[in-house]
Every structure is written in C-alpha cells, then in structure tokens.
N, C-alpha and C. Protein backbone atom coordinates (compact mmCIF):
# COMPACT_ATOMS: atom_id res chain seq x y z
N UNK A 1 0.75 -0.93 0.13
CA UNK A 1 -0.36 -0.12 0.09
C UNK A 1 1.35 1.39 -0.53
N UNK A 2 0.31 2.09 -0.60
CA UNK A 2 1.47 3.42 -1.09
C UNK A 2 1.07 4.32 0.02
N UNK A 3 2.21 5.29 0.47
CA UNK A 3 1.51 5.96 1.48
C UNK A 3 0.88 7.29 1.04
N UNK A 4 0.37 7.48 -0.17
CA UNK A 4 -0.90 8.47 -0.52
C UNK A 4 -1.91 7.72 -0.26
N UNK A 5 -2.16 6.50 -0.71
CA UNK A 5 -3.05 5.21 -0.50
C UNK A 5 -3.45 5.33 1.10
N UNK A 6 -2.17 5.29 2.07
CA UNK A 6 -2.52 5.30 3.20
C UNK A 6 -3.30 6.18 4.15
N UNK A 7 -2.62 7.20 3.71
CA UNK A 7 -3.31 8.71 4.10
C UNK A 7 -4.28 9.01 4.07
N UNK A 8 -5.11 8.54 2.69
CA UNK A 8 -6.94 8.34 2.02
C UNK A 8 -7.47 7.53 2.67
N UNK A 9 -6.67 6.86 3.20
CA UNK A 9 -7.90 5.29 4.25
C UNK A 9 -8.25 6.17 5.18
N UNK A 10 -6.59 6.59 5.53
CA UNK A 10 -6.53 7.20 7.30
C UNK A 10 -7.81 8.61 7.60
N UNK A 11 -7.55 9.77 6.30
CA UNK A 11 -7.90 10.82 6.19
C UNK A 11 -9.80 10.13 6.35
N UNK A 12 -9.88 9.35 5.66
CA UNK A 12 -11.40 8.75 5.58
C UNK A 12 -11.82 8.51 6.78
N UNK A 13 -11.28 7.00 7.51
CA UNK A 13 -11.54 6.77 8.89
C UNK A 13 -12.00 7.90 10.14
N UNK A 14 -10.98 9.13 9.90
CA UNK A 14 -11.12 9.80 10.90
C UNK A 14 -12.06 11.22 10.35
N UNK A 15 -12.32 11.00 9.66
CA UNK A 15 -13.36 12.17 9.16
C UNK A 15 -14.04 12.89 10.08
N UNK A 16 -13.99 14.18 10.44
CA UNK A 16 -15.55 14.01 11.21
C UNK A 16 -16.36 14.67 10.12
N UNK A 17 -17.44 15.13 10.61
CA UNK A 17 -18.80 16.09 9.86
C UNK A 17 -18.07 16.84 8.91
N UNK A 18 -18.91 16.92 7.78
CA UNK A 18 -18.83 18.11 6.87
C UNK A 18 -19.15 19.23 7.79
N UNK A 19 -18.26 20.76 7.07
CA UNK A 19 -18.67 21.62 8.03
C UNK A 19 -20.12 22.31 7.99
N UNK A 20 -21.00 21.92 6.77
CA UNK A 20 -22.37 22.30 6.88
C UNK A 20 -23.70 21.77 7.86
N UNK A 21 -22.61 20.11 7.87
CA UNK A 21 -23.69 19.38 8.66
C UNK A 21 -24.32 19.76 9.94
N UNK A 22 -25.45 20.29 10.19
CA UNK A 22 -25.76 20.48 11.63
C UNK A 22 -25.34 19.47 12.86
N UNK A 23 -24.86 20.05 13.76
CA UNK A 23 -24.72 18.96 14.85
C UNK A 23 -26.30 18.43 15.46
N UNK A 24 -26.14 17.46 16.40
CA UNK A 24 -27.43 17.24 17.09
C UNK A 24 -27.51 18.00 18.40
N UNK A 25 -28.22 18.90 18.16
CA UNK A 25 -28.32 20.26 19.56
C UNK A 25 -28.68 19.15 20.78
N UNK A 26 -27.85 19.98 21.56
CA UNK A 26 -28.37 19.43 23.33
C UNK A 26 -28.94 20.19 24.00
N UNK A 27 -29.63 21.11 23.18
CA UNK A 27 -30.76 21.79 24.23
C UNK A 27 -30.02 22.52 24.97
N UNK A 28 -28.72 22.95 25.07
CA UNK A 28 -28.16 23.76 25.76
C UNK A 28 -27.22 24.91 24.95
N UNK A 29 -28.34 26.11 24.63
CA UNK A 29 -27.42 27.24 23.93
C UNK A 29 -26.07 27.75 24.30
N UNK A 30 -25.68 27.41 25.25
CA UNK A 30 -24.05 28.05 25.17
C UNK A 30 -23.11 27.04 25.08
N UNK A 31 -23.92 25.55 24.83
CA UNK A 31 -22.74 24.59 24.96
C UNK A 31 -23.16 24.58 23.38
N UNK A 32 -24.20 24.69 22.67
CA UNK A 32 -24.67 24.27 21.52
C UNK A 32 -23.30 25.20 20.46
N UNK A 33 -23.64 26.54 21.11
CA UNK A 33 -22.80 27.86 20.25
C UNK A 33 -21.29 27.04 20.50
N UNK A 34 -21.11 26.61 21.04
CA UNK A 34 -19.43 26.52 21.29
C UNK A 34 -18.90 25.29 21.22
N UNK A 35 -19.83 24.21 20.13
CA UNK A 35 -19.52 23.34 20.02
C UNK A 35 -19.27 22.97 18.20
N UNK A 36 -18.83 22.45 17.33
CA UNK A 36 -18.80 22.40 16.05
C UNK A 36 -20.02 22.06 15.20
N UNK A 37 -20.75 22.72 14.53
CA UNK A 37 -21.58 22.84 14.24
C UNK A 37 -22.89 23.17 14.89
N UNK A 38 -22.51 23.58 15.89
CA UNK A 38 -23.92 23.99 16.78
C UNK A 38 -24.44 22.93 17.39
N UNK A 39 -23.48 21.84 18.17
CA UNK A 39 -24.28 21.05 18.38
C UNK A 39 -23.81 19.77 18.61
N UNK A 40 -23.36 18.53 19.22
CA UNK A 40 -23.02 17.24 19.02
C UNK A 40 -22.78 17.02 17.71
N UNK A 41 -21.48 16.86 17.01
CA UNK A 41 -21.05 16.30 15.83
C UNK A 41 -21.43 15.06 15.24
N UNK A 42 -22.24 14.88 14.17
CA UNK A 42 -22.69 13.68 13.88
C UNK A 42 -21.49 13.00 12.74
N UNK A 43 -21.28 11.46 12.77
CA UNK A 43 -20.49 10.66 12.14
C UNK A 43 -19.20 11.12 13.45
N UNK A 44 -18.80 11.24 14.31
CA UNK A 44 -17.56 11.65 14.95
C UNK A 44 -17.88 10.97 16.13
N UNK A 45 -16.81 10.60 16.82
CA UNK A 45 -16.54 10.38 18.05
C UNK A 45 -16.38 11.85 19.26
N UNK A 46 -17.61 11.33 20.34
CA UNK A 46 -17.02 12.76 21.15
C UNK A 46 -17.22 12.15 22.61
N UNK A 47 -16.19 11.94 23.36
CA UNK A 47 -15.67 11.80 24.55
C UNK A 47 -16.03 13.03 25.36
N UNK A 48 -17.70 12.30 26.81
CA UNK A 48 -17.26 12.72 27.78
C UNK A 48 -17.40 12.34 28.78
N UNK A 49 -16.21 13.25 29.62
CA UNK A 49 -15.52 12.63 30.61
C UNK A 49 -15.30 13.46 31.92
N UNK A 50 -14.78 12.70 32.89
CA UNK A 50 -15.44 13.47 34.34
C UNK A 50 -14.94 12.31 35.43
N UNK A 51 -14.84 13.40 36.64
CA UNK A 51 -15.09 12.45 37.96
C UNK A 51 -16.48 11.52 38.44
N UNK A 52 -16.49 10.42 38.88
CA UNK A 52 -17.99 10.44 38.99
C UNK A 52 -18.73 11.18 39.68
N UNK A 53 -20.04 11.80 39.63
CA UNK A 53 -20.74 12.45 40.58
C UNK A 53 -20.66 13.71 40.02
N UNK A 54 -20.27 14.42 38.61
CA UNK A 54 -19.70 15.27 38.12
C UNK A 54 -20.85 16.09 37.51
N UNK A 55 -21.96 15.08 37.15
CA UNK A 55 -22.99 15.74 36.30
C UNK A 55 -23.33 15.45 34.70
N UNK A 56 -22.25 14.33 34.60
CA UNK A 56 -22.61 13.67 33.25
C UNK A 56 -23.26 12.98 32.73
N UNK A 57 -24.45 12.23 33.42
CA UNK A 57 -25.15 11.63 33.30
C UNK A 57 -26.68 12.43 32.77
N UNK A 58 -26.08 13.64 34.35
CA UNK A 58 -27.23 14.48 34.36
C UNK A 58 -27.42 14.96 32.74
N UNK A 59 -26.03 15.59 32.35
CA UNK A 59 -26.40 16.25 31.26
C UNK A 59 -26.60 15.01 29.77
N UNK A 60 -25.89 14.36 29.69
CA UNK A 60 -26.68 12.92 29.15
C UNK A 60 -27.92 12.44 28.81
N UNK A 61 -29.13 12.80 29.94
CA UNK A 61 -30.41 12.76 30.13
C UNK A 61 -31.12 13.54 29.42
N UNK A 62 -30.11 15.13 29.38
CA UNK A 62 -30.56 16.54 28.84
C UNK A 62 -30.52 16.30 27.31
N UNK A 63 -29.74 15.72 27.05
CA UNK A 63 -29.05 15.64 25.87
C UNK A 63 -30.48 14.81 25.00
N UNK A 64 -30.26 13.63 25.06
CA UNK A 64 -30.98 12.47 25.19
C UNK A 64 -32.94 12.82 24.96
N UNK A 65 -33.11 13.64 26.24
CA UNK A 65 -34.31 14.27 26.29
C UNK A 65 -35.00 15.03 24.58
N UNK A 66 -33.85 15.94 24.52
CA UNK A 66 -33.88 17.03 23.59
C UNK A 66 -33.87 16.15 22.09
N UNK A 67 -33.05 15.03 22.01
CA UNK A 67 -33.18 14.28 21.24
C UNK A 67 -34.51 14.13 20.87
N UNK A 68 -34.76 12.76 21.43
CA UNK A 68 -36.49 12.49 21.36
C UNK A 68 -37.38 13.55 21.25
N UNK A 69 -37.27 14.98 21.97
CA UNK A 69 -38.37 15.40 21.74
C UNK A 69 -38.04 16.22 20.03
N UNK A 70 -37.34 15.86 19.87
CA UNK A 70 -37.12 16.77 18.14
C UNK A 70 -37.67 15.72 17.21
N UNK A 71 -37.65 14.64 17.59
CA UNK A 71 -38.20 13.42 16.70
C UNK A 71 -36.83 12.50 16.43
N UNK A 72 -36.21 12.31 17.24
CA UNK A 72 -34.90 11.19 16.94
C UNK A 72 -34.81 10.28 17.60
N UNK A 73 -34.54 8.85 17.54
CA UNK A 73 -34.07 7.94 18.00
C UNK A 73 -32.77 7.76 18.70
N UNK A 74 -32.74 7.34 20.27
CA UNK A 74 -31.73 7.38 20.76
C UNK A 74 -31.38 6.06 21.60
N UNK A 75 -30.11 5.38 21.51
CA UNK A 75 -29.76 3.97 22.10
C UNK A 75 -28.94 4.92 22.90
N UNK A 76 -28.90 4.28 24.51
CA UNK A 76 -27.80 4.34 25.33
C UNK A 76 -27.40 2.84 25.82
N UNK A 77 -26.23 2.46 25.91
CA UNK A 77 -25.68 1.61 26.33
C UNK A 77 -25.34 1.89 27.38
N UNK A 78 -26.16 1.06 28.54
CA UNK A 78 -25.55 0.93 30.02
C UNK A 78 -24.98 -0.19 30.17
N UNK A 79 -23.59 -0.04 30.29
CA UNK A 79 -22.21 -1.36 30.11
C UNK A 79 -22.35 -1.93 31.73
N UNK A 80 -22.52 -1.20 32.79
CA UNK A 80 -22.37 -1.49 33.75
C UNK A 80 -23.74 -1.52 34.58
N UNK A 81 -24.83 -1.40 33.82
CA UNK A 81 -26.22 -1.76 34.30
C UNK A 81 -26.25 -0.53 35.67
N UNK A 82 -25.82 0.38 35.27
CA UNK A 82 -26.28 1.16 37.13
C UNK A 82 -27.38 2.60 36.75
N UNK A 83 -27.86 2.82 35.63
CA UNK A 83 -29.15 3.68 35.50
C UNK A 83 -29.93 3.11 36.05
N UNK A 84 -30.81 4.71 36.47
CA UNK A 84 -32.31 4.24 37.45
C UNK A 84 -33.08 4.17 36.64
N UNK A 85 -33.83 3.45 36.87
CA UNK A 85 -34.71 3.66 35.42
C UNK A 85 -36.08 4.82 35.42
N UNK A 86 -36.06 5.00 36.65
CA UNK A 86 -36.92 5.99 37.23
C UNK A 86 -36.46 7.42 37.04
N UNK A 87 -35.41 7.46 36.66
CA UNK A 87 -34.20 9.05 36.29
C UNK A 87 -34.70 9.13 34.67
N UNK A 88 -35.04 8.06 34.15
CA UNK A 88 -35.16 7.85 32.89
C UNK A 88 -36.46 7.87 32.39
N UNK A 89 -37.48 7.78 33.14
CA UNK A 89 -39.12 7.69 32.64
C UNK A 89 -39.16 8.51 31.41
N UNK A 90 -39.32 9.66 32.11
CA UNK A 90 -39.69 11.15 31.27
C UNK A 90 -38.89 11.27 30.03
N UNK A 91 -38.10 10.68 30.03
CA UNK A 91 -37.56 10.83 28.36
C UNK A 91 -38.27 10.13 27.20
N UNK A 92 -39.14 10.42 26.44
CA UNK A 92 -39.88 9.95 25.47
C UNK A 92 -40.24 11.18 24.61
N UNK A 93 -40.71 10.62 23.63
CA UNK A 93 -41.47 11.41 22.73
C UNK A 93 -43.46 11.87 22.66
N UNK A 94 -43.50 13.40 23.55
CA UNK A 94 -45.02 13.30 23.35
C UNK A 94 -45.51 12.33 24.45
N UNK A 95 -44.77 11.93 25.70
CA UNK A 95 -45.67 11.05 26.17
C UNK A 95 -45.63 9.43 26.04
N UNK A 96 -45.34 9.17 24.68
CA UNK A 96 -45.96 7.58 24.40
C UNK A 96 -44.59 7.01 24.45
N UNK A 97 -43.37 7.07 24.93
CA UNK A 97 -42.41 6.16 25.48
C UNK A 97 -41.55 5.77 24.37
N UNK A 98 -41.82 6.03 23.40
CA UNK A 98 -40.97 5.95 22.50
C UNK A 98 -39.73 6.75 21.88
N UNK A 99 -38.89 6.41 21.47
CA UNK A 99 -37.49 7.36 21.46
C UNK A 99 -36.14 6.92 22.05
N UNK A 100 -36.25 6.02 22.97
CA UNK A 100 -35.36 5.74 23.66
C UNK A 100 -35.26 4.73 23.90
N UNK A 101 -34.15 3.97 23.76
CA UNK A 101 -33.79 2.47 24.17
C UNK A 101 -32.67 2.55 24.77
N UNK A 102 -32.95 1.95 25.84
CA UNK A 102 -31.82 1.24 27.02
C UNK A 102 -31.39 -0.16 26.55
N UNK A 103 -29.85 -0.22 26.49
CA UNK A 103 -29.41 -1.61 26.06
C UNK A 103 -28.68 -1.86 27.57
N UNK A 104 -28.43 -3.07 27.74
CA UNK A 104 -27.82 -3.08 29.02
C UNK A 104 -27.02 -4.96 29.02
N UNK A 105 -26.15 -4.69 28.54
CA UNK A 105 -25.39 -6.16 28.34
C UNK A 105 -25.19 -6.43 29.31
N UNK A 106 -25.15 -7.86 29.75
CA UNK A 106 -24.62 -8.89 30.96
C UNK A 106 -23.40 -8.22 31.31
N UNK A 107 -22.33 -7.83 30.15
CA UNK A 107 -21.04 -7.77 30.55
C UNK A 107 -20.83 -6.37 30.43
N UNK A 108 -19.75 -5.96 31.15
CA UNK A 108 -19.31 -4.48 30.48
C UNK A 108 -18.79 -4.56 29.12
N UNK A 109 -17.41 -5.70 28.98
CA UNK A 109 -17.05 -5.65 27.92
C UNK A 109 -17.44 -5.69 26.49
N UNK A 110 -18.92 -6.21 26.41
CA UNK A 110 -19.95 -6.15 25.45
C UNK A 110 -20.57 -4.55 25.29
N UNK A 111 -19.95 -4.12 25.95
CA UNK A 111 -20.88 -2.42 25.47
C UNK A 111 -20.80 -1.99 23.93
N UNK A 112 -19.36 -1.65 23.78
CA UNK A 112 -18.69 -1.63 22.30
C UNK A 112 -18.95 -2.27 21.25
N UNK A 113 -19.38 -3.72 21.51
CA UNK A 113 -20.41 -4.59 20.62
C UNK A 113 -21.77 -3.93 20.44
N UNK A 114 -22.50 -3.56 21.21
CA UNK A 114 -23.94 -3.34 21.00
C UNK A 114 -23.84 -2.12 20.55
N UNK A 115 -22.77 -0.69 20.90
CA UNK A 115 -23.10 0.32 20.02
C UNK A 115 -23.02 -0.17 18.49
N UNK A 116 -21.63 -0.92 18.05
CA UNK A 116 -21.61 -1.15 17.21
C UNK A 116 -22.79 -2.00 16.16
N UNK A 117 -23.43 -2.59 16.81
CA UNK A 117 -24.82 -3.14 16.55
C UNK A 117 -25.56 -2.11 16.28
N UNK A 118 -25.69 -1.28 17.21
CA UNK A 118 -26.56 0.01 16.92
C UNK A 118 -26.71 1.25 16.25
N UNK A 119 -25.21 1.05 16.07
CA UNK A 119 -24.92 2.00 14.73
C UNK A 119 -25.41 1.79 13.54
N UNK A 120 -24.90 0.00 13.07
CA UNK A 120 -25.10 -0.83 11.91
C UNK A 120 -26.54 -0.56 11.34
N UNK A 121 -27.31 -0.21 12.76
CA UNK A 121 -28.97 -0.33 12.30
C UNK A 121 -29.52 0.92 11.50
N UNK A 122 -28.35 1.83 11.97
CA UNK A 122 -28.96 3.20 10.86
C UNK A 122 -30.03 3.82 11.69
N UNK A 123 -30.48 3.37 12.65
CA UNK A 123 -32.03 3.81 13.22
C UNK A 123 -31.80 4.99 14.03
N UNK A 124 -30.98 5.23 15.06
CA UNK A 124 -30.30 6.42 15.81
C UNK A 124 -29.42 7.09 16.05
N UNK A 125 -29.97 8.60 16.02
CA UNK A 125 -29.58 9.72 15.90
C UNK A 125 -28.35 9.68 16.83
N UNK A 126 -28.64 9.26 17.64
CA UNK A 126 -27.28 9.52 18.73
C UNK A 126 -27.24 8.08 19.74
N UNK A 127 -26.28 7.82 20.24
CA UNK A 127 -25.90 6.60 20.50
C UNK A 127 -24.70 6.61 21.53
N UNK A 128 -25.09 6.47 22.65
CA UNK A 128 -24.29 6.85 24.27
C UNK A 128 -23.83 5.26 24.65
N UNK A 129 -22.40 5.52 24.75
CA UNK A 129 -21.65 4.20 25.63
C UNK A 129 -21.27 4.44 26.17
N UNK A 130 -21.89 4.27 27.79
CA UNK A 130 -21.77 4.48 29.25
C UNK A 130 -20.95 3.28 30.23
N UNK A 131 -19.51 3.33 30.69
CA UNK A 131 -19.62 2.41 31.57
C UNK A 131 -18.15 1.49 30.29
N UNK A 132 -18.38 1.40 29.59
CA UNK A 132 -17.66 0.26 28.83
C UNK A 132 -16.63 0.54 29.08
N UNK A 133 -15.30 -0.76 29.15
CA UNK A 133 -13.74 -0.22 28.95
C UNK A 133 -13.48 0.35 28.15
N UNK A 134 -12.19 1.04 28.30
CA UNK A 134 -11.49 2.20 27.27
C UNK A 134 -11.41 1.87 25.81
N UNK A 135 -11.68 2.31 25.08
CA UNK A 135 -11.81 1.75 23.81
C UNK A 135 -10.49 1.75 23.25
N UNK A 136 -10.14 0.55 22.28
CA UNK A 136 -9.15 0.67 22.02
C UNK A 136 -9.09 1.07 20.45
N UNK A 137 -7.71 1.33 19.86
CA UNK A 137 -7.67 2.31 19.02
C UNK A 137 -8.33 1.97 17.59
N UNK A 138 -8.42 0.63 17.65
CA UNK A 138 -9.01 -0.34 16.37
C UNK A 138 -10.13 0.05 16.52
N UNK A 139 -11.27 -0.36 17.78
CA UNK A 139 -12.65 -0.08 17.80
C UNK A 139 -13.30 0.87 17.95
N UNK A 140 -12.51 2.21 18.38
CA UNK A 140 -12.76 3.15 18.21
C UNK A 140 -12.98 4.14 17.01
N UNK A 141 -11.53 3.59 16.06
CA UNK A 141 -11.84 3.72 14.39
C UNK A 141 -13.22 3.08 14.03
N UNK A 142 -13.64 2.22 14.29
CA UNK A 142 -14.57 1.20 13.43
C UNK A 142 -15.80 1.96 14.22
N UNK A 143 -15.72 2.08 15.39
CA UNK A 143 -17.43 2.82 15.68
C UNK A 143 -17.41 4.11 15.23
N UNK A 144 -16.26 5.01 14.94
CA UNK A 144 -16.42 6.29 14.09
C UNK A 144 -16.43 6.22 13.04
N UNK A 145 -16.31 5.16 12.26
CA UNK A 145 -16.77 4.88 10.78
C UNK A 145 -17.95 4.55 10.63
N UNK A 146 -18.83 3.46 11.80
CA UNK A 146 -20.27 3.35 11.39
C UNK A 146 -21.03 4.40 12.03
N UNK A 147 -20.52 5.60 12.84
CA UNK A 147 -21.37 6.76 13.12
C UNK A 147 -21.44 7.80 12.04
N UNK A 148 -20.17 7.32 11.18
CA UNK A 148 -20.26 7.91 10.20
C UNK A 148 -21.15 8.04 8.96
N UNK A 149 -21.41 6.48 9.33
CA UNK A 149 -22.08 6.28 7.65
C UNK A 149 -23.37 6.01 8.24
N UNK A 150 -24.22 6.07 9.88
CA UNK A 150 -25.57 5.93 9.88
C UNK A 150 -25.66 7.95 10.02
N UNK A 151 -24.73 8.80 10.37
CA UNK A 151 -25.19 10.08 10.03
C UNK A 151 -25.29 10.19 11.77
N UNK A 152 -24.88 9.34 12.52
CA UNK A 152 -25.29 9.66 13.98
C UNK A 152 -24.43 10.16 14.74
N UNK A 153 -24.20 10.86 16.22
CA UNK A 153 -23.10 11.20 17.46
C UNK A 153 -22.86 10.20 17.95
N UNK A 154 -21.74 9.72 18.34
CA UNK A 154 -21.68 8.71 18.90
C UNK A 154 -21.07 9.20 20.38
N UNK A 155 -21.63 9.12 21.28
CA UNK A 155 -21.02 10.04 22.65
C UNK A 155 -20.14 8.49 23.51
N UNK A 156 -19.53 8.97 23.81
CA UNK A 156 -18.73 8.02 24.86
C UNK A 156 -18.59 8.26 26.27
N UNK A 157 -19.08 7.91 27.08
CA UNK A 157 -18.96 8.75 28.79
C UNK A 157 -17.47 7.46 29.74
N UNK A 158 -17.13 8.27 29.91
CA UNK A 158 -15.75 7.54 31.08
C UNK A 158 -15.48 8.79 32.26
N UNK A 159 -14.63 8.32 32.99
CA UNK A 159 -13.97 9.03 33.78
C UNK A 159 -12.39 9.08 33.27
N UNK A 160 -11.89 9.99 34.02
CA UNK A 160 -10.95 11.22 33.45
C UNK A 160 -9.82 10.17 32.88
N UNK A 161 -9.43 9.03 33.24
CA UNK A 161 -8.72 8.02 32.60
C UNK A 161 -9.00 7.26 31.51
N UNK A 162 -10.69 7.16 31.32
CA UNK A 162 -10.64 6.64 30.03
C UNK A 162 -10.80 7.51 28.83
N UNK A 163 -9.77 8.35 28.75
CA UNK A 163 -10.16 8.94 27.09
C UNK A 163 -9.37 8.34 25.97
N UNK A 164 -9.83 8.09 25.03
CA UNK A 164 -9.04 7.73 23.84
C UNK A 164 -8.20 8.84 23.68
N UNK A 165 -7.15 7.99 22.21
CA UNK A 165 -6.24 8.94 21.92
C UNK A 165 -6.59 8.92 20.51
N UNK A 166 -7.71 8.58 19.74
CA UNK A 166 -8.06 9.30 18.37
C UNK A 166 -8.15 10.25 17.94
N UNK A 167 -7.59 10.43 16.86
CA UNK A 167 -7.23 11.93 16.65
C UNK A 167 -8.18 12.72 16.18
N UNK A 168 -9.25 12.12 15.89
CA UNK A 168 -10.21 12.65 15.27
C UNK A 168 -11.94 13.38 16.57
N UNK A 169 -11.32 12.58 17.25
CA UNK A 169 -12.13 12.72 18.41
C UNK A 169 -12.81 14.08 18.94
N UNK A 170 -13.58 14.21 19.73
CA UNK A 170 -13.70 15.79 20.48
C UNK A 170 -14.14 15.05 21.95
N UNK A 171 -13.29 15.69 22.61
CA UNK A 171 -13.43 15.26 24.42
C UNK A 171 -13.90 16.64 24.91
N UNK A 172 -14.87 16.20 25.96
CA UNK A 172 -15.70 17.61 26.67
C UNK A 172 -15.20 16.61 28.55
N UNK A 173 -15.01 17.53 28.72
CA UNK A 173 -14.63 17.36 30.03
C UNK A 173 -15.99 17.88 31.18
N UNK A 174 -16.73 17.39 31.66
CA UNK A 174 -17.45 18.19 32.92
C UNK A 174 -16.80 17.93 34.16
N UNK A 175 -17.23 19.05 35.02
CA UNK A 175 -16.56 19.44 35.93
C UNK A 175 -17.72 20.07 36.92
N UNK A 176 -18.08 19.57 38.37
CA UNK A 176 -19.06 20.41 38.83
C UNK A 176 -17.87 21.16 40.19
N UNK A 177 -18.54 22.80 40.02
CA UNK A 177 -18.19 23.90 40.92
C UNK A 177 -18.89 24.33 41.54
N UNK A 178 -18.43 25.47 42.51
CA UNK A 178 -19.55 26.08 43.55
C UNK A 178 -20.33 26.62 42.29
N UNK A 179 -20.40 27.14 41.14
CA UNK A 179 -21.01 28.22 40.34
C UNK A 179 -22.03 27.15 39.47
N UNK A 180 -22.08 25.49 39.66
CA UNK A 180 -22.44 25.03 38.67
C UNK A 180 -21.79 23.69 38.11
N UNK A 181 -22.29 23.00 36.83
CA UNK A 181 -21.68 22.25 35.92
C UNK A 181 -20.91 22.97 35.25
N UNK A 182 -19.83 23.11 34.51
CA UNK A 182 -19.02 23.00 32.82
C UNK A 182 -18.58 22.07 32.53
N UNK A 183 -18.52 22.57 31.19
CA UNK A 183 -18.01 21.51 30.45
C UNK A 183 -17.11 22.44 29.35
N UNK A 184 -15.77 21.33 29.74
CA UNK A 184 -14.47 21.98 28.75
C UNK A 184 -14.22 21.66 27.70
N UNK A 185 -14.18 22.03 26.83
CA UNK A 185 -13.67 21.09 25.75
C UNK A 185 -12.44 21.32 25.33
N UNK A 186 -11.72 20.45 25.38
CA UNK A 186 -10.41 19.87 25.43
C UNK A 186 -9.67 19.53 24.06
N UNK A 187 -10.37 18.78 23.22
CA UNK A 187 -9.77 18.50 22.01
C UNK A 187 -11.02 18.39 21.34
N UNK A 188 -10.27 19.03 19.76
CA UNK A 188 -11.57 18.26 19.17
C UNK A 188 -12.20 19.80 18.23
N UNK A 189 -11.75 20.48 18.92
CA UNK A 189 -12.80 21.97 19.15
C UNK A 189 -12.15 23.50 19.57
N UNK A 190 -12.01 24.32 19.45
CA UNK A 190 -11.37 25.37 20.33
C UNK A 190 -11.46 25.36 21.69
N UNK A 191 -10.66 25.41 22.19
CA UNK A 191 -10.12 25.40 23.78
C UNK A 191 -11.11 26.33 24.41
N UNK A 192 -12.53 25.61 25.12
CA UNK A 192 -13.22 26.83 26.00
C UNK A 192 -13.89 26.06 27.20
N UNK A 193 -14.36 27.06 28.08
CA UNK A 193 -14.94 26.11 29.01
C UNK A 193 -16.46 27.11 29.15
N UNK A 194 -17.29 26.19 29.34
CA UNK A 194 -18.72 26.55 29.19
C UNK A 194 -19.97 26.22 30.62
N UNK A 195 -20.13 26.61 31.14
CA UNK A 195 -21.43 26.45 32.27
C UNK A 195 -22.74 26.36 31.66
N UNK A 196 -23.15 25.06 31.96
CA UNK A 196 -24.28 24.09 31.59
C UNK A 196 -25.71 24.13 32.57
N UNK A 197 -25.44 24.14 33.88
CA UNK A 197 -26.39 24.12 34.44
C UNK A 197 -25.77 25.01 35.86
C-alpha cells in the first residue's frame, strides 16, 4: 500500500462531519454555540469525561430528552447496568415512551459490541456508550466509521482516565464547581469552558 493511499484511507476513517452538517443539538444554548456545527457532531466520536458525580449522566439525560423531543431516536448502552430507570422515565416523545432504547449488556466488555450493532442499524441519531472499558484504537476507529455511515452522533462516557487517543475525537470534560456544572472542550474544537447548569 502506498503512503498516499494509506493517508487517504486514514483520512476517510477519522474524518469528522462536513462543515455544513448541523450537529445534534444539546438543548443548552451556550454549549451548542461552542460545539462544532452547533451541537454534538454527527459521524464523529465525542468523549464526555469527568469524575464520578460531576453531572455527566444528568447532561446526557438532558441531551437525550432534547433529541427524542426533536423526533430522533436515541440508544443508550448502559454497560455497567447502573442507570436508574425512574430517572429516565420522562425521556419520551410526547409521553408515548418511544424514542429511547436502553441496552444493558450482561458484561461491560460487550458495550462496544452493542454500540456497533446499534450504529449499524442506522436507526439512531444518538448512540451513547456508558461504562464500557476504554476503547482500543481499532474499536474507536470502527465505531467512528459506523457513526459516519449512519450520520449519528456517538457519545462515549468515561472517567478522566478513560480518554481515547483517537485523533478525530471531540473531548468534553465535565466538572462540578460551586457555581454549577461546566463543560471544558479539551480536544477537537477550540478550547473553552462553558457553564451548562
């Protein structure tokens, strides 16, 4: 394989969304304004990291609720089986309990496989992977390619030590401060801090 062909292949794998493709809105004006394409980028891996209890799940629940209310389907892979169903019961389209799928694999190591299957279906605008072991580079590249093919936003949650090294990913770090919850855009877009709650 020639170097030019290898470069072309790699750029196709890690390419993000095209500049004109609108992102999947988070419903938080300040965060949408700071994100590329004014929302979670489609066809790209976005990492949402931070310590336990910082507000990651609350933020994702807000994003999922907005997506479902906008008519999109959302899949949430709860790899560690820790979501409280009562906290997610209100996330539905017009009260008919459609639009959100929660997948709970029997083993956290199956989380990436579940995300793979959900992305391949092409049915979901947002696929969230929470609690899975850190993605290897090969798995992250494959999931990013599938997200691009499905025109879906792929959101991977983890603690600060579970950040991937995938060049095309967007990294958002959630922190709880005295003034509320902030999101720091660390990688993949201009660095800035945004107060979300």
